[in-house]
């Protein structure tokens, strides 16, 4: 089903390698997917390009003149106010314009003009933005976690995050700006966060599925300006089995976070973290993905707490 949806959104066809990258599977797996899909629908292989046959593509339903006008106004608004021009919007407008030409020629011409304006105003930075948006859309549709690299607006340092996308759309800001953002859950946590897509430099789909909870609550913007004074901080050194395990500590106040590989290729991080019960609970939550290395006093304290829990179950 993921493959069919992907081919429907790319009627011009796609190479096997591109399909594998979008679905987050090995290229050899795509052949089995194609053979399976051929049992249910017609697929053409034109050289190295895989695409749905004309008969397998869904027909475009006609819009009423009122629906056409509403779509026309929305498209013009999006084309004139979006920070990044979307070539998929241009191609979609042209398809709908062609369908409207017989019964609403004036609106059809307006949609063609809007599509042309989008194509002419496409900037150099738009292509990277669109590549990221396409992969995020594929992961959202297929329900797969992504690994992305991004920066914060207040910090140029690049972070790596494993993330389950829940929603892609506009986010309102106090200054009137409405960037296109992706909202979802950080892996290994229950924390919901929102990331501006323009701040994402790269993204890849992982072979791990997720589900969007039915009881999802409205998202709130995190308070990045939170500051503490007089807090008891511990100079931690942690061994990491996987970098994304740091997401479990995202709600813990910390300073001077540094991640590095030692001479044996093992992954470590150092930080000054708040000495709180939440810190201990978050380390427990990460299972064997995080190991406290230093200071020895905190390592022993952590072991004692784990032993107390284990003693209950051993009884």
C-alpha atoms as a PDB file:
ATOM      1  CA  UNK A   1       0.000   0.000   0.000  1.00  0.00           C
ATOM      2  CA  UNK A   2       2.907   2.368   0.762  1.00  0.00           C
ATOM      3  CA  UNK A   3       4.388   1.637  -2.661  1.00  0.00           C
ATOM      4  CA  UNK A   4       1.070   2.241  -4.423  1.00  0.00           C
ATOM      5  CA  UNK A   5       0.548   5.565  -2.634  1.00  0.00           C
ATOM      6  CA  UNK A   6       4.077   6.621  -3.541  1.00  0.00           C
ATOM      7  CA  UNK A   7       3.574   5.781  -7.240  1.00  0.00           C
ATOM      8  CA  UNK A   8       0.214   7.579  -7.278  1.00  0.00           C
ATOM      9  CA  UNK A   9       1.947  10.742  -6.089  1.00  0.00           C
ATOM     10  CA  UNK A  10       4.646  10.341  -8.794  1.00  0.00           C
ATOM     11  CA  UNK A  11       2.757   9.593 -12.048  1.00  0.00           C
ATOM     12  CA  UNK A  12       5.951  10.255 -14.024  1.00  0.00           C
ATOM     13  CA  UNK A  13       7.468   7.170 -12.374  1.00  0.00           C
ATOM     14  CA  UNK A  14      10.376   6.543 -10.022  1.00  0.00           C
ATOM     15  CA  UNK A  15      13.624   4.600 -10.024  1.00  0.00           C
ATOM     16  CA  UNK A  16      13.900   1.554  -7.761  1.00  0.00           C
ATOM     17  CA  UNK A  17      16.686   3.182  -5.756  1.00  0.00           C
ATOM     18  CA  UNK A  18      14.539   6.272  -5.095  1.00  0.00           C
ATOM     19  CA  UNK A  19      11.588   4.093  -4.052  1.00  0.00           C
ATOM     20  CA  UNK A  20      13.798   2.137  -1.654  1.00  0.00           C
ATOM     21  CA  UNK A  21      15.125   5.370  -0.128  1.00  0.00           C
ATOM     22  CA  UNK A  22      11.612   6.780   0.328  1.00  0.00           C
ATOM     23  CA  UNK A  23      10.240   3.598   1.915  1.00  0.00           C
ATOM     24  CA  UNK A  24      13.352   3.049   4.031  1.00  0.00           C
ATOM     25  CA  UNK A  25      14.047  -0.486   2.782  1.00  0.00           C
ATOM     26  CA  UNK A  26      16.839  -2.200   0.856  1.00  0.00           C
ATOM     27  CA  UNK A  27      16.708  -1.914  -2.921  1.00  0.00           C
ATOM     28  CA  UNK A  28      16.404  -5.697  -3.329  1.00  0.00           C
ATOM     29  CA  UNK A  29      13.190  -5.612  -1.285  1.00  0.00           C
ATOM     30  CA  UNK A  30      11.475  -3.320  -3.798  1.00  0.00           C
ATOM     31  CA  UNK A  31      11.349  -6.105  -6.399  1.00  0.00           C
ATOM     32  CA  UNK A  32       9.213  -8.229  -4.072  1.00  0.00           C
ATOM     33  CA  UNK A  33       6.960  -5.238  -3.345  1.00  0.00           C
ATOM     34  CA  UNK A  34       6.453  -4.648  -7.077  1.00  0.00           C
ATOM     35  CA  UNK A  35       5.668  -8.309  -7.756  1.00  0.00           C
ATOM     36  CA  UNK A  36       3.111  -8.265  -4.934  1.00  0.00           C
ATOM     37  CA  UNK A  37       1.493  -5.033  -6.144  1.00  0.00           C
ATOM     38  CA  UNK A  38       1.211  -6.420  -9.687  1.00  0.00           C
ATOM     39  CA  UNK A  39      -1.328  -8.925  -8.344  1.00  0.00           C
ATOM     40  CA  UNK A  40      -3.719  -6.051  -7.586  1.00  0.00           C
ATOM     41  CA  UNK A  41      -2.988  -3.291 -10.110  1.00  0.00           C
ATOM     42  CA  UNK A  42      -1.216  -2.599 -13.424  1.00  0.00           C
ATOM     43  CA  UNK A  43       2.406  -1.464 -13.176  1.00  0.00           C
ATOM     44  CA  UNK A  44       4.601  -0.374 -16.091  1.00  0.00           C
ATOM     45  CA  UNK A  45       8.383  -0.702 -16.168  1.00  0.00           C
ATOM     46  CA  UNK A  46       9.791   1.750 -18.695  1.00  0.00           C
ATOM     47  CA  UNK A  47      13.523   1.144 -18.681  1.00  0.00           C
ATOM     48  CA  UNK A  48      14.612   1.826 -15.095  1.00  0.00           C
ATOM     49  CA  UNK A  49      11.390   3.699 -14.258  1.00  0.00           C
ATOM     50  CA  UNK A  50       8.517   2.100 -12.309  1.00  0.00           C
ATOM     51  CA  UNK A  51       5.061   3.704 -12.609  1.00  0.00           C
ATOM     52  CA  UNK A  52       1.362   2.941 -12.520  1.00  0.00           C
ATOM     53  CA  UNK A  53      -0.321   2.385 -15.866  1.00  0.00           C
ATOM     54  CA  UNK A  54      -2.866   4.907 -17.102  1.00  0.00           C
ATOM     55  CA  UNK A  55      -5.741   2.560 -16.250  1.00  0.00           C
ATOM     56  CA  UNK A  56      -4.519   2.159 -12.663  1.00  0.00           C
ATOM     57  CA  UNK A  57      -4.452   5.885 -11.901  1.00  0.00           C
ATOM     58  CA  UNK A  58      -7.519   7.289 -10.155  1.00  0.00           C
ATOM     59  CA  UNK A  59      -9.693   9.673 -12.197  1.00  0.00           C
ATOM     60  CA  UNK A  60      -9.858  13.298 -11.104  1.00  0.00           C
ATOM     61  CA  UNK A  61     -13.344  14.186  -9.894  1.00  0.00           C
ATOM     62  CA  UNK A  62     -14.833  17.397 -11.255  1.00  0.00           C
ATOM     63  CA  UNK A  63     -15.129  20.322  -8.882  1.00  0.00           C
ATOM     64  CA  UNK A  64     -18.168  22.579  -8.780  1.00  0.00           C
ATOM     65  CA  UNK A  65     -17.628  26.227  -9.750  1.00  0.00           C
ATOM     66  CA  UNK A  66     -17.850  27.181  -6.057  1.00  0.00           C
ATOM     67  CA  UNK A  67     -15.292  24.538  -5.079  1.00  0.00           C
ATOM     68  CA  UNK A  68     -13.111  25.706  -7.971  1.00  0.00           C
ATOM     69  CA  UNK A  69     -13.208  29.317  -6.771  1.00  0.00           C
ATOM     70  CA  UNK A  70     -12.397  28.309  -3.179  1.00  0.00           C
ATOM     71  CA  UNK A  71      -9.475  26.194  -4.398  1.00  0.00           C
ATOM     72  CA  UNK A  72      -8.306  29.006  -6.676  1.00  0.00           C
ATOM     73  CA  UNK A  73      -8.267  31.550  -3.819  1.00  0.00           C
ATOM     74  CA  UNK A  74      -6.512  29.129  -1.465  1.00  0.00           C
ATOM     75  CA  UNK A  75      -3.853  28.329  -4.051  1.00  0.00           C
ATOM     76  CA  UNK A  76      -3.143  32.014  -4.723  1.00  0.00           C
ATOM     77  CA  UNK A  77      -2.872  32.694  -0.988  1.00  0.00           C
ATOM     78  CA  UNK A  78      -0.470  29.788  -0.472  1.00  0.00           C
ATOM     79  CA  UNK A  79       1.616  30.739  -3.498  1.00  0.00           C
ATOM     80  CA  UNK A  80       1.988  34.367  -2.382  1.00  0.00           C
ATOM     81  CA  UNK A  81       2.539  33.880   1.373  1.00  0.00           C
ATOM     82  CA  UNK A  82       4.454  30.610   1.758  1.00  0.00           C
ATOM     83  CA  UNK A  83       8.154  30.973   2.656  1.00  0.00           C
ATOM     84  CA  UNK A  84       9.121  28.227   0.208  1.00  0.00           C
ATOM     85  CA  UNK A  85       7.574  27.575  -3.190  1.00  0.00           C
ATOM     86  CA  UNK A  86       6.238  24.051  -3.649  1.00  0.00           C
ATOM     87  CA  UNK A  87       6.603  22.528  -7.141  1.00  0.00           C
ATOM     88  CA  UNK A  88       4.087  19.823  -6.192  1.00  0.00           C
ATOM     89  CA  UNK A  89       1.528  22.588  -5.698  1.00  0.00           C
ATOM     90  CA  UNK A  90       2.322  23.868  -9.199  1.00  0.00           C
ATOM     91  CA  UNK A  91       1.868  20.434 -10.794  1.00  0.00           C
ATOM     92  CA  UNK A  92      -1.337  19.844  -8.808  1.00  0.00           C
ATOM     93  CA  UNK A  93      -2.726  23.210  -9.919  1.00  0.00           C
ATOM     94  CA  UNK A  94      -2.027  22.408 -13.565  1.00  0.00           C
ATOM     95  CA  UNK A  95      -3.850  19.067 -13.292  1.00  0.00           C
ATOM     96  CA  UNK A  96      -6.917  20.669 -11.745  1.00  0.00           C
ATOM     97  CA  UNK A  97      -6.755  23.547 -14.235  1.00  0.00           C
ATOM     98  CA  UNK A  98      -6.846  21.058 -17.095  1.00  0.00           C
ATOM     99  CA  UNK A  99      -9.869  19.364 -15.578  1.00  0.00           C
ATOM    100  CA  UNK A 100     -11.691  22.724 -15.183  1.00  0.00           C
ATOM    101  CA  UNK A 101     -10.922  24.052 -18.669  1.00  0.00           C
ATOM    102  CA  UNK A 102     -14.221  22.934 -20.220  1.00  0.00           C
ATOM    103  CA  UNK A 103     -16.604  24.297 -17.575  1.00  0.00           C
ATOM    104  CA  UNK A 104     -14.646  27.091 -15.828  1.00  0.00           C
ATOM    105  CA  UNK A 105     -12.069  28.411 -18.334  1.00  0.00           C
ATOM    106  CA  UNK A 106     -11.390  31.674 -16.467  1.00  0.00           C
ATOM    107  CA  UNK A 107     -10.587  29.887 -13.213  1.00  0.00           C
ATOM    108  CA  UNK A 108      -8.518  27.388 -15.169  1.00  0.00           C
ATOM    109  CA  UNK A 109      -6.407  30.212 -16.590  1.00  0.00           C
ATOM    110  CA  UNK A 110      -5.963  31.696 -13.102  1.00  0.00           C
ATOM    111  CA  UNK A 111      -4.764  28.360 -11.733  1.00  0.00           C
ATOM    112  CA  UNK A 112      -2.310  27.982 -14.630  1.00  0.00           C
ATOM    113  CA  UNK A 113      -1.014  31.490 -13.887  1.00  0.00           C
ATOM    114  CA  UNK A 114      -0.584  30.665 -10.194  1.00  0.00           C
ATOM    115  CA  UNK A 115       1.311  27.478 -11.118  1.00  0.00           C
ATOM    116  CA  UNK A 116       3.590  29.434 -13.437  1.00  0.00           C
ATOM    117  CA  UNK A 117       4.262  32.034 -10.731  1.00  0.00           C
ATOM    118  CA  UNK A 118       5.265  29.285  -8.304  1.00  0.00           C
ATOM    119  CA  UNK A 119       7.678  27.777 -10.836  1.00  0.00           C
ATOM    120  CA  UNK A 120       9.212  31.156 -11.712  1.00  0.00           C
ATOM    121  CA  UNK A 121       9.650  32.154  -8.053  1.00  0.00           C
ATOM    122  CA  UNK A 122      11.312  28.915  -6.968  1.00  0.00           C
ATOM    123  CA  UNK A 123      14.543  29.813  -5.208  1.00  0.00           C
ATOM    124  CA  UNK A 124      17.808  27.949  -4.806  1.00  0.00           C
ATOM    125  CA  UNK A 125      17.077  26.939  -1.200  1.00  0.00           C
ATOM    126  CA  UNK A 126      13.628  25.557  -2.042  1.00  0.00           C
ATOM    127  CA  UNK A 127      14.952  22.260  -3.460  1.00  0.00           C
ATOM    128  CA  UNK A 128      16.517  21.160  -0.149  1.00  0.00           C
ATOM    129  CA  UNK A 129      13.387  22.194   1.716  1.00  0.00           C
ATOM    130  CA  UNK A 130      11.251  20.147  -0.698  1.00  0.00           C
ATOM    131  CA  UNK A 131      13.471  17.049  -0.406  1.00  0.00           C
ATOM    132  CA  UNK A 132      13.089  17.142   3.379  1.00  0.00           C
ATOM    133  CA  UNK A 133       9.335  17.763   3.125  1.00  0.00           C
ATOM    134  CA  UNK A 134       8.903  14.848   0.685  1.00  0.00           C
ATOM    135  CA  UNK A 135      10.703  12.361   2.938  1.00  0.00           C
ATOM    136  CA  UNK A 136       8.765  13.577   5.995  1.00  0.00           C
ATOM    137  CA  UNK A 137       5.521  13.167   4.036  1.00  0.00           C
ATOM    138  CA  UNK A 138       6.463   9.624   3.008  1.00  0.00           C
ATOM    139  CA  UNK A 139       7.304   8.698   6.604  1.00  0.00           C
ATOM    140  CA  UNK A 140       4.051  10.283   7.827  1.00  0.00           C
ATOM    141  CA  UNK A 141       1.968   8.355   5.273  1.00  0.00           C
ATOM    142  CA  UNK A 142       3.789   5.061   5.900  1.00  0.00           C
ATOM    143  CA  UNK A 143       3.903   5.500   9.701  1.00  0.00           C
ATOM    144  CA  UNK A 144       7.679   5.132  10.040  1.00  0.00           C
ATOM    145  CA  UNK A 145      10.090   6.889  12.382  1.00  0.00           C
ATOM    146  CA  UNK A 146      12.700   9.221  10.865  1.00  0.00           C
ATOM    147  CA  UNK A 147      16.209  10.254  11.840  1.00  0.00           C
ATOM    148  CA  UNK A 148      16.790  13.920  11.126  1.00  0.00           C
ATOM    149  CA  UNK A 149      19.507  16.511  11.596  1.00  0.00           C
ATOM    150  CA  UNK A 150      18.376  20.013  12.471  1.00  0.00           C
ATOM    151  CA  UNK A 151      19.382  23.259  14.118  1.00  0.00           C
ATOM    152  CA  UNK A 152      17.534  25.561  16.499  1.00  0.00           C
ATOM    153  CA  UNK A 153      16.804  29.149  15.506  1.00  0.00           C
ATOM    154  CA  UNK A 154      18.733  30.387  18.550  1.00  0.00           C
ATOM    155  CA  UNK A 155      21.640  27.943  18.096  1.00  0.00           C
ATOM    156  CA  UNK A 156      23.558  26.946  14.939  1.00  0.00           C
ATOM    157  CA  UNK A 157      24.707  23.634  16.450  1.00  0.00           C
ATOM    158  CA  UNK A 158      23.327  20.630  14.528  1.00  0.00           C
ATOM    159  CA  UNK A 159      21.315  18.096  16.541  1.00  0.00           C
ATOM    160  CA  UNK A 160      20.421  14.553  15.501  1.00  0.00           C
ATOM    161  CA  UNK A 161      16.933  13.414  16.494  1.00  0.00           C
ATOM    162  CA  UNK A 162      14.869  10.275  15.958  1.00  0.00           C
ATOM    163  CA  UNK A 163      11.298  11.342  15.586  1.00  0.00           C
ATOM    164  CA  UNK A 164       7.744  10.047  14.928  1.00  0.00           C
ATOM    165  CA  UNK A 165       5.898  12.638  12.762  1.00  0.00           C
ATOM    166  CA  UNK A 166       2.311  13.255  13.904  1.00  0.00           C
ATOM    167  CA  UNK A 167       1.374  16.360  11.922  1.00  0.00           C
ATOM    168  CA  UNK A 168       2.765  18.560   9.122  1.00  0.00           C
ATOM    169  CA  UNK A 169       1.356  22.068   8.766  1.00  0.00           C
ATOM    170  CA  UNK A 170       1.657  25.759   9.539  1.00  0.00           C
ATOM    171  CA  UNK A 171       2.603  26.986  13.001  1.00  0.00           C
ATOM    172  CA  UNK A 172       1.482  30.388  14.236  1.00  0.00           C
ATOM    173  CA  UNK A 173       4.123  32.570  15.873  1.00  0.00           C
ATOM    174  CA  UNK A 174       3.785  35.775  17.867  1.00  0.00           C
ATOM    175  CA  UNK A 175       5.468  37.824  15.127  1.00  0.00           C
ATOM    176  CA  UNK A 176       2.880  36.737  12.540  1.00  0.00           C
ATOM    177  CA  UNK A 177       5.210  34.282  10.804  1.00  0.00           C
ATOM    178  CA  UNK A 178       3.682  30.912   9.841  1.00  0.00           C
ATOM    179  CA  UNK A 179       6.491  28.453   9.038  1.00  0.00           C
ATOM    180  CA  UNK A 180       5.705  24.949   7.785  1.00  0.00           C
ATOM    181  CA  UNK A 181       6.602  22.647  10.664  1.00  0.00           C
ATOM    182  CA  UNK A 182       6.457  18.993  11.638  1.00  0.00           C
ATOM    183  CA  UNK A 183       5.110  18.044  15.057  1.00  0.00           C
ATOM    184  CA  UNK A 184       5.604  14.640  16.645  1.00  0.00           C
ATOM    185  CA  UNK A 185       7.088  12.525  19.406  1.00  0.00           C
ATOM    186  CA  UNK A 186      10.759  12.185  20.241  1.00  0.00           C
ATOM    187  CA  UNK A 187      11.802   8.542  20.199  1.00  0.00           C
ATOM    188  CA  UNK A 188      12.353   6.966  23.662  1.00  0.00           C
ATOM    189  CA  UNK A 189      10.121   9.622  25.237  1.00  0.00           C
ATOM    190  CA  UNK A 190       6.523  10.779  25.445  1.00  0.00           C
ATOM    191  CA  UNK A 191       7.589  14.354  24.703  1.00  0.00           C
ATOM    192  CA  UNK A 192       5.882  16.166  21.815  1.00  0.00           C
ATOM    193  CA  UNK A 193       7.892  18.812  19.995  1.00  0.00           C
ATOM    194  CA  UNK A 194       7.609  20.939  16.859  1.00  0.00           C
ATOM    195  CA  UNK A 195      10.479  21.506  14.414  1.00  0.00           C
ATOM    196  CA  UNK A 196      10.502  24.043  11.578  1.00  0.00           C
ATOM    197  CA  UNK A 197      11.165  22.126   8.362  1.00  0.00           C
ATOM    198  CA  UNK A 198      13.487  24.859   7.074  1.00  0.00           C
ATOM    199  CA  UNK A 199      15.815  24.086  10.026  1.00  0.00           C
ATOM    200  CA  UNK A 200      16.148  20.410   9.014  1.00  0.00           C
ATOM    201  CA  UNK A 201      19.254  19.713   6.921  1.00  0.00           C
ATOM    202  CA  UNK A 202      18.721  15.984   6.274  1.00  0.00           C
ATOM    203  CA  UNK A 203      16.223  13.228   7.058  1.00  0.00           C
ATOM    204  CA  UNK A 204      16.059   9.467   6.507  1.00  0.00           C
ATOM    205  CA  UNK A 205      13.295   6.940   7.109  1.00  0.00           C
ATOM    206  CA  UNK A 206      14.007   4.144   9.586  1.00  0.00           C
ATOM    207  CA  UNK A 207      12.533   0.653   9.403  1.00  0.00           C
ATOM    208  CA  UNK A 208      10.502   1.173  12.580  1.00  0.00           C
ATOM    209  CA  UNK A 209       6.780   1.889  12.651  1.00  0.00           C
ATOM    210  CA  UNK A 210       4.755   4.040  15.028  1.00  0.00           C
ATOM    211  CA  UNK A 211       1.089   4.920  15.600  1.00  0.00           C
ATOM    212  CA  UNK A 212      -0.514   8.277  16.304  1.00  0.00           C
ATOM    213  CA  UNK A 213      -2.424   8.067  19.618  1.00  0.00           C
ATOM    214  CA  UNK A 214      -6.188   8.641  19.560  1.00  0.00           C
ATOM    215  CA  UNK A 215      -6.058  10.782  22.716  1.00  0.00           C
ATOM    216  CA  UNK A 216      -3.492  13.208  21.340  1.00  0.00           C
ATOM    217  CA  UNK A 217      -3.758  16.541  23.140  1.00  0.00           C
ATOM    218  CA  UNK A 218      -3.230  19.983  21.603  1.00  0.00           C
ATOM    219  CA  UNK A 219       0.436  20.808  21.229  1.00  0.00           C
ATOM    220  CA  UNK A 220       1.955  23.611  23.245  1.00  0.00           C
ATOM    221  CA  UNK A 221       5.044  25.534  22.315  1.00  0.00           C
ATOM    222  CA  UNK A 222       7.910  24.621  24.669  1.00  0.00           C
ATOM    223  CA  UNK A 223       9.382  27.314  26.835  1.00  0.00           C
ATOM    224  CA  UNK A 224      12.949  27.460  25.541  1.00  0.00           C
ATOM    225  CA  UNK A 225      13.680  30.423  27.776  1.00  0.00           C
ATOM    226  CA  UNK A 226      13.444  28.333  30.956  1.00  0.00           C
ATOM    227  CA  UNK A 227      16.361  29.088  33.260  1.00  0.00           C
ATOM    228  CA  UNK A 228      17.366  27.901  36.713  1.00  0.00           C
ATOM    229  CA  UNK A 229      19.451  29.462  39.451  1.00  0.00           C
ATOM    230  CA  UNK A 230      21.070  27.750  42.403  1.00  0.00           C
ATOM    231  CA  UNK A 231      20.395  24.270  41.024  1.00  0.00           C
ATOM    232  CA  UNK A 232      22.419  21.247  42.131  1.00  0.00           C
ATOM    233  CA  UNK A 233      24.110  19.983  38.943  1.00  0.00           C
ATOM    234  CA  UNK A 234      25.958  16.667  38.519  1.00  0.00           C
ATOM    235  CA  UNK A 235      28.917  16.393  36.090  1.00  0.00           C
ATOM    236  CA  UNK A 236      27.768  13.224  34.304  1.00  0.00           C
ATOM    237  CA  UNK A 237      29.631  11.024  31.857  1.00  0.00           C
ATOM    238  CA  UNK A 238      27.368   8.529  30.068  1.00  0.00           C
ATOM    239  CA  UNK A 239      28.044   5.633  27.695  1.00  0.00           C
ATOM    240  CA  UNK A 240      25.475   5.559  24.867  1.00  0.00           C
ATOM    241  CA  UNK A 241      24.421   2.441  22.951  1.00  0.00           C
ATOM    242  CA  UNK A 242      22.625   4.740  20.492  1.00  0.00           C
ATOM    243  CA  UNK A 243      22.664   8.507  20.182  1.00  0.00           C
ATOM    244  CA  UNK A 244      18.863   8.820  20.078  1.00  0.00           C
ATOM    245  CA  UNK A 245      18.734   7.587  23.698  1.00  0.00           C
ATOM    246  CA  UNK A 246      19.611  11.165  24.683  1.00  0.00           C
ATOM    247  CA  UNK A 247      16.026  12.066  23.763  1.00  0.00           C
ATOM    248  CA  UNK A 248      14.951  10.445  27.021  1.00  0.00           C
ATOM    249  CA  UNK A 249      16.850  13.207  28.876  1.00  0.00           C
ATOM    250  CA  UNK A 250      15.275  16.050  26.897  1.00  0.00           C
ATOM    251  CA  UNK A 251      13.005  17.094  29.792  1.00  0.00           C
ATOM    252  CA  UNK A 252      15.913  17.181  32.258  1.00  0.00           C
ATOM    253  CA  UNK A 253      17.706  20.495  32.679  1.00  0.00           C
ATOM    254  CA  UNK A 254      21.301  20.182  31.493  1.00  0.00           C
ATOM    255  CA  UNK A 255      24.246  22.331  30.445  1.00  0.00           C
ATOM    256  CA  UNK A 256      27.380  21.885  28.295  1.00  0.00           C
ATOM    257  CA  UNK A 257      26.216  18.731  26.502  1.00  0.00           C
ATOM    258  CA  UNK A 258      29.033  17.146  24.462  1.00  0.00           C
ATOM    259  CA  UNK A 259      28.843  13.874  22.483  1.00  0.00           C
ATOM    260  CA  UNK A 260      32.020  12.122  21.295  1.00  0.00           C
ATOM    261  CA  UNK A 261      33.605   8.814  20.268  1.00  0.00           C
ATOM    262  CA  UNK A 262      36.511   7.454  22.303  1.00  0.00           C
ATOM    263  CA  UNK A 263      39.577   5.753  20.809  1.00  0.00           C
ATOM    264  CA  UNK A 264      37.719   2.408  20.720  1.00  0.00           C
ATOM    265  CA  UNK A 265      34.829   3.877  18.770  1.00  0.00           C
ATOM    266  CA  UNK A 266      32.406   3.836  21.722  1.00  0.00           C
ATOM    267  CA  UNK A 267      29.902   6.678  22.010  1.00  0.00           C
ATOM    268  CA  UNK A 268      29.957   8.851  25.164  1.00  0.00           C
ATOM    269  CA  UNK A 269      28.509  12.131  26.298  1.00  0.00           C
ATOM    270  CA  UNK A 270      29.258  14.539  29.124  1.00  0.00           C
ATOM    271  CA  UNK A 271      26.947  17.138  30.649  1.00  0.00           C
ATOM    272  CA  UNK A 272      26.055  18.952  33.837  1.00  0.00           C
ATOM    273  CA  UNK A 273      22.574  17.635  34.692  1.00  0.00           C
ATOM    274  CA  UNK A 274      20.100  18.506  37.433  1.00  0.00           C
ATOM    275  CA  UNK A 275      20.367  16.250  40.504  1.00  0.00           C
ATOM    276  CA  UNK A 276      16.721  15.213  40.619  1.00  0.00           C
ATOM    277  CA  UNK A 277      14.535  12.125  40.761  1.00  0.00           C
ATOM    278  CA  UNK A 278      13.518  12.893  37.173  1.00  0.00           C
ATOM    279  CA  UNK A 279      17.110  12.402  36.008  1.00  0.00           C
ATOM    280  CA  UNK A 280      17.241   8.956  37.593  1.00  0.00           C
ATOM    281  CA  UNK A 281      13.821   7.992  36.183  1.00  0.00           C
ATOM    282  CA  UNK A 282      14.808   9.070  32.671  1.00  0.00           C
ATOM    283  CA  UNK A 283      18.023   7.018  32.806  1.00  0.00           C
ATOM    284  CA  UNK A 284      15.980   4.007  33.956  1.00  0.00           C
ATOM    285  CA  UNK A 285      13.510   4.657  31.146  1.00  0.00           C
ATOM    286  CA  UNK A 286      16.294   4.345  28.575  1.00  0.00           C
ATOM    287  CA  UNK A 287      17.012   0.729  29.623  1.00  0.00           C
ATOM    288  CA  UNK A 288      20.432  -0.456  28.495  1.00  0.00           C
ATOM    289  CA  UNK A 289      20.809   2.389  25.979  1.00  0.00           C
ATOM    290  CA  UNK A 290      22.450   4.628  28.607  1.00  0.00           C
ATOM    291  CA  UNK A 291      25.050   3.673  31.226  1.00  0.00           C
ATOM    292  CA  UNK A 292      26.274   6.022  33.948  1.00  0.00           C
ATOM    293  CA  UNK A 293      30.095   5.998  33.898  1.00  0.00           C
ATOM    294  CA  UNK A 294      30.993   8.951  36.113  1.00  0.00           C
ATOM    295  CA  UNK A 295      30.912  10.160  38.804  1.00  0.00           C
ATOM    296  CA  UNK A 296      31.265   6.897  40.704  1.00  0.00           C
ATOM    297  CA  UNK A 297      29.184   8.245  43.584  1.00  0.00           C
ATOM    298  CA  UNK A 298      26.162   8.742  41.320  1.00  0.00           C
ATOM    299  CA  UNK A 299      26.747   5.424  39.554  1.00  0.00           C
ATOM    300  CA  UNK A 300      26.648   3.641  42.955  1.00  0.00           C
ATOM    301  CA  UNK A 301      23.544   5.595  43.954  1.00  0.00           C
ATOM    302  CA  UNK A 302      21.831   4.583  40.714  1.00  0.00           C
ATOM    303  CA  UNK A 303      22.764   0.908  41.237  1.00  0.00           C
ATOM    304  CA  UNK A 304      21.335   0.989  44.767  1.00  0.00           C
ATOM    305  CA  UNK A 305      18.007   2.327  43.481  1.00  0.00           C
ATOM    306  CA  UNK A 306      17.851  -0.345  40.773  1.00  0.00           C
ATOM    307  CA  UNK A 307      18.632  -3.043  43.343  1.00  0.00           C
ATOM    308  CA  UNK A 308      15.775  -1.807  45.568  1.00  0.00           C
ATOM    309  CA  UNK A 309      13.381  -2.180  42.652  1.00  0.00           C
ATOM    310  CA  UNK A 310      14.795  -5.596  41.744  1.00  0.00           C
ATOM    311  CA  UNK A 311      14.466  -6.778  45.371  1.00  0.00           C
ATOM    312  CA  UNK A 312      10.701  -6.194  45.251  1.00  0.00           C
ATOM    313  CA  UNK A 313      10.314  -8.473  42.235  1.00  0.00           C
ATOM    314  CA  UNK A 314      12.731 -11.108  43.532  1.00  0.00           C
ATOM    315  CA  UNK A 315      10.560 -11.516  46.640  1.00  0.00           C
END
